[in-house]
Protein backbone atom coordinates (compact mmCIF):
# COMPACT_ATOMS: atom_id res chain seq x y z
CA UNK A 1 -2.40 19.29 -4.68
CA UNK A 2 -0.44 16.05 -4.88
CA UNK A 3 -2.04 12.72 -5.72
CA UNK A 4 -0.64 9.62 -4.08
CA UNK A 5 -1.66 5.98 -4.15
CA UNK A 6 -1.15 3.98 -0.97
CA UNK A 7 -1.46 0.31 -0.09
CA UNK A 8 -2.66 -0.54 3.43
CA UNK A 9 -2.30 -3.97 4.96
CA UNK A 10 -2.02 -5.91 8.19
CA UNK A 11 -2.15 -9.44 9.55
CA UNK A 12 -2.01 -9.14 13.36
CA UNK A 13 -4.95 -8.55 15.68
CA UNK A 14 -8.21 -7.07 14.39
CA UNK A 15 -7.11 -6.56 10.81
CA UNK A 16 -10.29 -4.84 9.66
CA UNK A 17 -10.25 -2.39 12.57
CA UNK A 18 -6.59 -1.60 11.88
CA UNK A 19 -7.50 -0.61 8.30
CA UNK A 20 -10.39 1.55 9.54
CA UNK A 21 -8.15 3.32 12.07
CA UNK A 22 -5.48 3.86 9.41
CA UNK A 23 -8.04 5.43 7.06
CA UNK A 24 -9.20 7.80 9.81
CA UNK A 25 -5.65 8.85 10.63
CA UNK A 26 -4.81 9.33 6.94
CA UNK A 27 -7.86 11.63 6.58
CA UNK A 28 -6.83 13.57 9.71
CA UNK A 29 -3.09 13.84 9.09
CA UNK A 30 -2.47 13.47 5.35
CA UNK A 31 -5.41 14.52 3.20
CA UNK A 32 -8.62 13.66 1.39
CA UNK A 33 -9.17 10.03 0.43
CA UNK A 34 -10.56 10.44 -3.08
CA UNK A 35 -10.83 6.75 -4.00
CA UNK A 36 -10.82 3.55 -1.99
CA UNK A 37 -10.76 -0.08 -3.14
CA UNK A 38 -12.57 -2.99 -1.60
CA UNK A 39 -10.74 -4.88 1.12
CA UNK A 40 -9.00 -8.08 0.03
CA UNK A 41 -7.79 -11.01 2.07
CA UNK A 42 -4.46 -12.27 0.83
CA UNK A 43 -2.01 -14.93 1.82
CA UNK A 44 1.28 -13.59 3.18
CA UNK A 45 3.61 -12.76 0.28
CA UNK A 46 7.20 -13.99 0.31
CA UNK A 47 6.91 -15.99 3.55
CA UNK A 48 5.15 -19.05 4.92
CA UNK A 49 3.36 -19.69 8.21
CA UNK A 50 1.87 -16.22 8.66
CA UNK A 51 -1.78 -15.28 9.05
CA UNK A 52 -3.47 -13.88 5.95
CA UNK A 53 -3.41 -10.12 5.39
CA UNK A 54 -6.19 -7.70 4.75
CA UNK A 55 -5.14 -5.23 2.04
CA UNK A 56 -6.66 -2.15 0.48
CA UNK A 57 -5.49 0.59 -1.89
CA UNK A 58 -6.49 4.22 -1.71
CA UNK A 59 -5.95 7.43 -3.65
CA UNK A 60 -5.19 10.45 -1.48
CA UNK A 61 -4.97 14.14 -2.34
CA UNK A 62 -2.42 15.80 -0.09
CA UNK A 63 -0.45 18.99 0.37
CA UNK A 64 2.43 17.02 1.89
CA UNK A 65 5.73 16.58 0.09
CA UNK A 66 6.78 12.99 -0.54
CA UNK A 67 9.30 13.13 2.33
CA UNK A 68 6.69 14.53 4.72
CA UNK A 69 4.24 11.90 3.51
CA UNK A 70 6.53 8.97 4.36
CA UNK A 71 7.26 10.50 7.78
CA UNK A 72 3.52 10.84 8.46
CA UNK A 73 2.82 7.27 7.32
CA UNK A 74 5.56 5.87 9.57
CA UNK A 75 4.15 7.84 12.50
CA UNK A 76 0.63 6.50 11.82
CA UNK A 77 2.03 2.95 11.70
CA UNK A 78 3.68 3.52 15.08
CA UNK A 79 0.49 5.05 16.55
CA UNK A 80 -1.41 1.95 15.43
CA UNK A 81 1.03 -0.43 17.13
CA UNK A 82 3.45 -1.30 14.33
CA UNK A 83 6.69 -2.61 15.78
CA UNK A 84 9.56 -2.58 13.30
CA UNK A 85 12.60 -4.79 13.75
CA UNK A 86 15.90 -4.56 11.92
CA UNK A 87 16.13 -8.26 11.05
CA UNK A 88 12.96 -9.36 9.26
CA UNK A 89 11.74 -7.89 6.00
CA UNK A 90 8.42 -9.68 5.78
CA UNK A 91 7.42 -9.82 9.42
CA UNK A 92 3.83 -9.94 10.69
CA UNK A 93 2.43 -6.47 11.34
CA UNK A 94 -0.60 -4.69 12.71
CA UNK A 95 -0.48 -2.20 9.85
CA UNK A 96 1.73 -1.45 6.87
CA UNK A 97 1.31 1.75 4.85
CA UNK A 98 3.20 1.84 1.56
CA UNK A 99 3.51 4.62 -0.99
CA UNK A 100 2.86 3.10 -4.40
CA UNK A 101 2.93 6.32 -6.46
CA UNK A 102 3.29 10.02 -5.71
CA UNK A 103 2.20 12.09 -8.70
CA UNK A 104 4.57 10.87 -11.44
CA UNK A 105 7.60 11.49 -9.23
CA UNK A 106 10.46 9.02 -9.18
CA UNK A 107 12.34 8.82 -5.87
CA UNK A 108 15.34 6.58 -5.31
CA UNK A 109 16.73 7.24 -1.85
CA UNK A 110 18.08 4.83 0.77
CA UNK A 111 14.88 5.02 2.88
CA UNK A 112 12.30 5.64 0.13
CA UNK A 113 11.76 4.33 -3.39
CA UNK A 114 8.76 5.58 -5.40
CA UNK A 115 7.12 4.05 -7.37
CA UNK A 116 7.15 1.09 -5.02
CA UNK A 117 9.79 -1.24 -6.51
CA UNK A 118 7.80 -4.49 -6.21
CA UNK A 119 4.20 -3.39 -6.78
CA UNK A 120 4.12 -4.91 -10.28
CA UNK A 121 5.02 -8.33 -8.83
CA UNK A 122 2.23 -8.48 -6.25
CA UNK A 123 -1.41 -9.27 -6.96
CA UNK A 124 -2.37 -8.15 -3.46
CA UNK A 125 -1.39 -4.65 -4.60
CA UNK A 126 -2.41 -4.80 -8.25
CA UNK A 127 -5.93 -6.17 -7.76
CA UNK A 128 -7.15 -3.44 -5.38
CA UNK A 129 -5.15 -0.78 -7.24
CA UNK A 130 -6.72 -1.85 -10.52
CA UNK A 131 -10.13 -1.35 -8.92
CA UNK A 132 -9.47 2.38 -8.39
CA UNK A 133 -6.77 3.25 -10.98
CA UNK A 134 -6.77 0.72 -13.82
CA UNK A 135 -5.62 3.29 -16.39
CA UNK A 136 -2.88 4.82 -14.21
CA UNK A 137 0.39 4.68 -16.12
CA UNK A 138 3.41 3.43 -14.16
CA UNK A 139 6.02 6.17 -14.77
CA UNK A 140 8.96 3.75 -15.02
CA UNK A 141 7.41 0.68 -16.63
CA UNK A 142 5.20 2.75 -18.96
CA UNK A 143 2.30 0.31 -18.53
CA UNK A 144 -1.15 0.75 -17.01
CA UNK A 145 -2.11 -0.97 -13.77
CA UNK A 146 -4.53 -3.10 -15.80
CA UNK A 147 -1.67 -4.25 -18.04
CA UNK A 148 0.63 -4.93 -15.10
CA UNK A 149 -2.09 -7.04 -13.46
CA UNK A 150 -2.69 -8.95 -16.71
CA UNK A 151 1.02 -9.74 -16.96
CA UNK A 152 1.61 -10.52 -13.26
CA UNK A 153 2.93 -14.04 -12.55
CA UNK A 154 2.02 -13.95 -8.85
CA UNK A 155 -0.06 -17.02 -8.07
CA UNK A 156 -0.98 -16.10 -4.49
CA UNK A 157 -4.60 -16.20 -3.42
CA UNK A 158 -6.29 -12.77 -3.30
CA UNK A 159 -10.01 -12.67 -2.60
CA UNK A 160 -12.48 -9.94 -1.75
CA UNK A 161 -13.10 -9.80 2.00
């Protein structure tokens, strides 16, 4: 059984319902959700003039390989109305499902990088992740989530929803 940590988020439409639907689809298509953080409301990261996001981190036990996992997550995003464009990196979205960690595997491919390359820079990821995996050791940075959160310079507003 593989253990993966995911970050869920969205800032278009009924944000809370989008998270609930994503959790249901993850249970149906990916595996058992073994831990789940609170939901946090966060200002959009890296851009201005966007509605605040709702974000949540979960731990999932899955039989899927990392490549099958990303394919399933992209399909769930599409099923939940995510429209991807080529131009904008930080565009508004109904749902975003990111792989933070997959076991202790390191993946560096054109379409997938695990661990997520910017998770240590983002409080909207670190705060909910710390809630469910504070002692998890980042396989590249060799620091716990708690330590990464303590050292994070991100000043964006992240509050429990």
